[in-house]
């Protein structure tokens, strides 16, 4: 899913919730409010829409922002309350998050430590194995996220800090996963 497709999904969700037409540009505004930004244009260039597992901001924490933005867009108090309550659930259901490029870069460049019985990081090898599997699942989500890849590519085209390195790491991860699938 792309951000454009996400905005369309948000627009449809809101139209169903309020029972009337709703502008796509307003859907973008509520999407940004759900992550605590004043407007879509106010989202800093070093933030990208990502998978939920990496999110640094949570829609459920920003219901008041969504409600306020709905009111500014001319919706009734009841409509605003309904959207503020259901929009975070829609985003969480679709596993949408938002993160800084530097966080994404750090996550992708991190190597998972080898197991050592002497390490204080894990109680035993089973706990280490579980953490390793969670890390692999997260990397798989990152590699498969079309929206995240498009967002990082967009940022790289604009020369945003960390974007080029992140894009290179994502390409390498995708390539490595393709090789493993082919084997």
Protein backbone atom coordinates (compact mmCIF):
# COMPACT_ATOMS: atom_id res chain seq x y z
CA UNK A 1 0.00 0.00 0.00
CA UNK A 2 1.22 3.52 -0.78
CA UNK A 3 0.50 6.66 1.23
CA UNK A 4 -1.90 7.69 -1.54
CA UNK A 5 -3.76 4.38 -1.16
CA UNK A 6 -3.74 4.82 2.61
CA UNK A 7 -5.26 8.30 2.25
CA UNK A 8 -7.95 6.82 -0.02
CA UNK A 9 -8.67 4.13 2.60
CA UNK A 10 -8.90 6.81 5.31
CA UNK A 11 -11.22 8.88 3.09
CA UNK A 12 -13.53 5.88 2.49
CA UNK A 13 -13.51 5.05 6.20
CA UNK A 14 -14.50 8.59 7.12
CA UNK A 15 -17.19 8.77 4.43
CA UNK A 16 -18.71 5.57 5.83
CA UNK A 17 -18.47 6.90 9.38
CA UNK A 18 -20.17 10.24 8.65
CA UNK A 19 -22.41 9.15 5.78
CA UNK A 20 -21.42 11.92 3.37
CA UNK A 21 -18.64 12.92 0.97
CA UNK A 22 -15.28 13.82 2.44
CA UNK A 23 -12.36 15.43 0.60
CA UNK A 24 -9.20 13.40 0.09
CA UNK A 25 -7.10 16.41 1.15
CA UNK A 26 -8.94 16.36 4.47
CA UNK A 27 -8.17 12.65 4.81
CA UNK A 28 -4.47 13.48 4.54
CA UNK A 29 -4.92 16.08 7.27
CA UNK A 30 -6.59 13.60 9.61
CA UNK A 31 -3.94 11.01 8.82
CA UNK A 32 -1.27 13.47 9.96
CA UNK A 33 -3.31 14.44 13.04
CA UNK A 34 -3.55 10.74 13.97
CA UNK A 35 0.22 10.74 14.34
CA UNK A 36 0.33 14.04 16.22
CA UNK A 37 1.26 16.42 13.40
CA UNK A 38 -0.58 19.70 12.83
CA UNK A 39 -0.99 19.06 9.08
CA UNK A 40 0.25 16.74 6.37
CA UNK A 41 2.60 19.44 5.13
CA UNK A 42 3.98 19.78 8.67
CA UNK A 43 5.30 16.21 8.76
CA UNK A 44 9.08 16.66 8.73
CA UNK A 45 10.86 15.23 5.69
CA UNK A 46 12.88 12.88 7.89
CA UNK A 47 9.72 11.04 9.02
CA UNK A 48 8.29 8.23 6.89
CA UNK A 49 5.15 6.13 7.08
CA UNK A 50 6.25 2.67 8.13
CA UNK A 51 5.07 -0.60 9.53
CA UNK A 52 3.52 -0.42 12.96
CA UNK A 53 6.31 -2.41 14.64
CA UNK A 54 8.70 0.55 14.14
CA UNK A 55 6.27 3.35 14.87
CA UNK A 56 7.51 6.14 17.10
CA UNK A 57 4.08 7.73 17.41
CA UNK A 58 0.79 5.99 18.10
CA UNK A 59 -2.58 7.02 16.67
CA UNK A 60 -4.34 5.99 19.88
CA UNK A 61 -2.31 8.68 21.69
CA UNK A 62 -3.63 11.40 19.39
CA UNK A 63 -7.41 11.08 19.49
CA UNK A 64 -7.71 14.64 20.81
CA UNK A 65 -5.66 15.95 17.87
CA UNK A 66 -7.87 14.07 15.40
CA UNK A 67 -11.04 15.34 17.11
CA UNK A 68 -9.75 18.92 17.06
CA UNK A 69 -8.70 18.71 13.40
CA UNK A 70 -12.11 17.27 12.48
CA UNK A 71 -13.80 20.24 14.12
CA UNK A 72 -11.48 22.63 12.22
CA UNK A 73 -12.54 20.89 9.00
CA UNK A 74 -16.18 21.62 9.79
CA UNK A 75 -17.37 18.27 11.12
CA UNK A 76 -19.87 18.08 13.95
CA UNK A 77 -18.78 17.15 17.46
CA UNK A 78 -20.40 13.71 17.11
CA UNK A 79 -18.70 13.07 13.76
CA UNK A 80 -15.37 14.24 15.17
CA UNK A 81 -15.72 11.96 18.20
CA UNK A 82 -16.60 8.98 16.01
CA UNK A 83 -13.66 9.53 13.66
CA UNK A 84 -11.23 10.22 16.52
CA UNK A 85 -12.24 6.90 18.04
CA UNK A 86 -12.21 4.74 14.88
CA UNK A 87 -9.35 6.19 12.81
CA UNK A 88 -6.61 4.94 15.17
CA UNK A 89 -8.13 1.46 14.99
CA UNK A 90 -8.12 1.58 11.18
CA UNK A 91 -4.45 2.54 11.15
CA UNK A 92 -3.55 -0.13 13.69
CA UNK A 93 -5.57 -2.75 11.78
CA UNK A 94 -3.58 -1.84 8.65
CA UNK A 95 -0.39 -1.85 10.74
CA UNK A 96 0.56 1.69 9.76
CA UNK A 97 3.11 3.59 11.77
CA UNK A 98 5.44 6.53 11.33
CA UNK A 99 9.12 6.67 12.15
CA UNK A 100 12.20 8.80 11.71
CA UNK A 101 14.65 7.79 8.99
CA UNK A 102 17.50 7.72 11.50
CA UNK A 103 15.61 5.14 13.59
CA UNK A 104 14.91 3.04 10.52
CA UNK A 105 18.55 3.30 9.46
CA UNK A 106 19.74 2.21 12.91
CA UNK A 107 17.33 -0.73 12.91
CA UNK A 108 18.43 -1.91 9.48
CA UNK A 109 22.14 -1.53 10.18
CA UNK A 110 21.99 -3.34 13.53
CA UNK A 111 23.44 -6.83 13.57
CA UNK A 112 21.85 -9.33 15.89
CA UNK A 113 24.31 -10.65 18.50
CA UNK A 114 25.39 -14.27 18.56
CA UNK A 115 24.19 -16.31 21.51
CA UNK A 116 26.55 -16.54 24.42
CA UNK A 117 25.78 -18.33 27.68
CA UNK A 118 27.88 -15.66 29.43
CA UNK A 119 25.74 -12.79 28.14
CA UNK A 120 23.39 -10.91 30.45
CA UNK A 121 21.11 -9.99 27.52
CA UNK A 122 19.15 -13.26 27.49
CA UNK A 123 18.34 -15.73 30.26
CA UNK A 124 18.87 -18.74 28.04
CA UNK A 125 19.22 -19.85 24.44
CA UNK A 126 15.43 -20.19 24.03
CA UNK A 127 14.92 -16.52 24.95
CA UNK A 128 17.69 -15.53 22.52
CA UNK A 129 16.11 -17.66 19.77
CA UNK A 130 12.73 -15.98 20.37
CA UNK A 131 14.33 -12.52 20.14
CA UNK A 132 16.16 -13.55 16.97
CA UNK A 133 12.89 -14.72 15.39
CA UNK A 134 11.16 -11.44 16.33
CA UNK A 135 14.05 -9.50 14.78
CA UNK A 136 13.84 -11.58 11.59
CA UNK A 137 10.07 -11.03 11.40
CA UNK A 138 10.53 -7.28 11.77
CA UNK A 139 13.18 -7.23 9.03
CA UNK A 140 10.85 -9.22 6.79
CA UNK A 141 8.05 -6.70 7.40
CA UNK A 142 10.40 -3.85 6.55
CA UNK A 143 11.60 -5.52 3.36
CA UNK A 144 8.07 -6.28 2.19
CA UNK A 145 6.52 -2.90 2.95
CA UNK A 146 5.86 -1.20 -0.37
CA UNK A 147 4.75 1.97 1.38
CA UNK A 148 7.93 2.19 3.43
CA UNK A 149 10.11 1.55 0.39
CA UNK A 150 8.28 4.25 -1.58
CA UNK A 151 8.57 6.70 1.32
CA UNK A 152 12.31 6.09 1.72
CA UNK A 153 12.80 6.37 -2.05
CA UNK A 154 10.91 9.70 -2.04
CA UNK A 155 13.08 10.97 0.80
CA UNK A 156 16.26 9.84 -0.98
CA UNK A 157 15.20 11.73 -4.11
CA UNK A 158 14.96 14.84 -1.94
CA UNK A 159 18.36 14.21 -0.34
CA UNK A 160 17.00 13.80 3.19
CA UNK A 161 19.63 12.76 5.75
CA UNK A 162 19.81 8.97 6.34
CA UNK A 163 17.53 8.26 3.38
CA UNK A 164 20.18 7.13 0.89
CA UNK A 165 21.85 4.79 3.38
CA UNK A 166 18.47 3.46 4.47
CA UNK A 167 17.45 2.86 0.88
CA UNK A 168 20.69 0.96 0.21
CA UNK A 169 20.11 -1.19 3.31
CA UNK A 170 16.51 -1.87 2.28
CA UNK A 171 17.60 -2.88 -1.22
CA UNK A 172 20.24 -5.22 0.21
CA UNK A 173 17.70 -6.71 2.62
CA UNK A 174 15.16 -7.24 -0.17
CA UNK A 175 17.81 -8.82 -2.38
CA UNK A 176 18.96 -11.13 0.40
CA UNK A 177 15.37 -12.19 1.14
CA UNK A 178 14.77 -12.87 -2.58
CA UNK A 179 17.90 -15.06 -2.64
CA UNK A 180 16.72 -16.99 0.43
CA UNK A 181 13.25 -17.50 -1.06
CA UNK A 182 14.74 -18.76 -4.33
CA UNK A 183 16.96 -21.28 -2.53
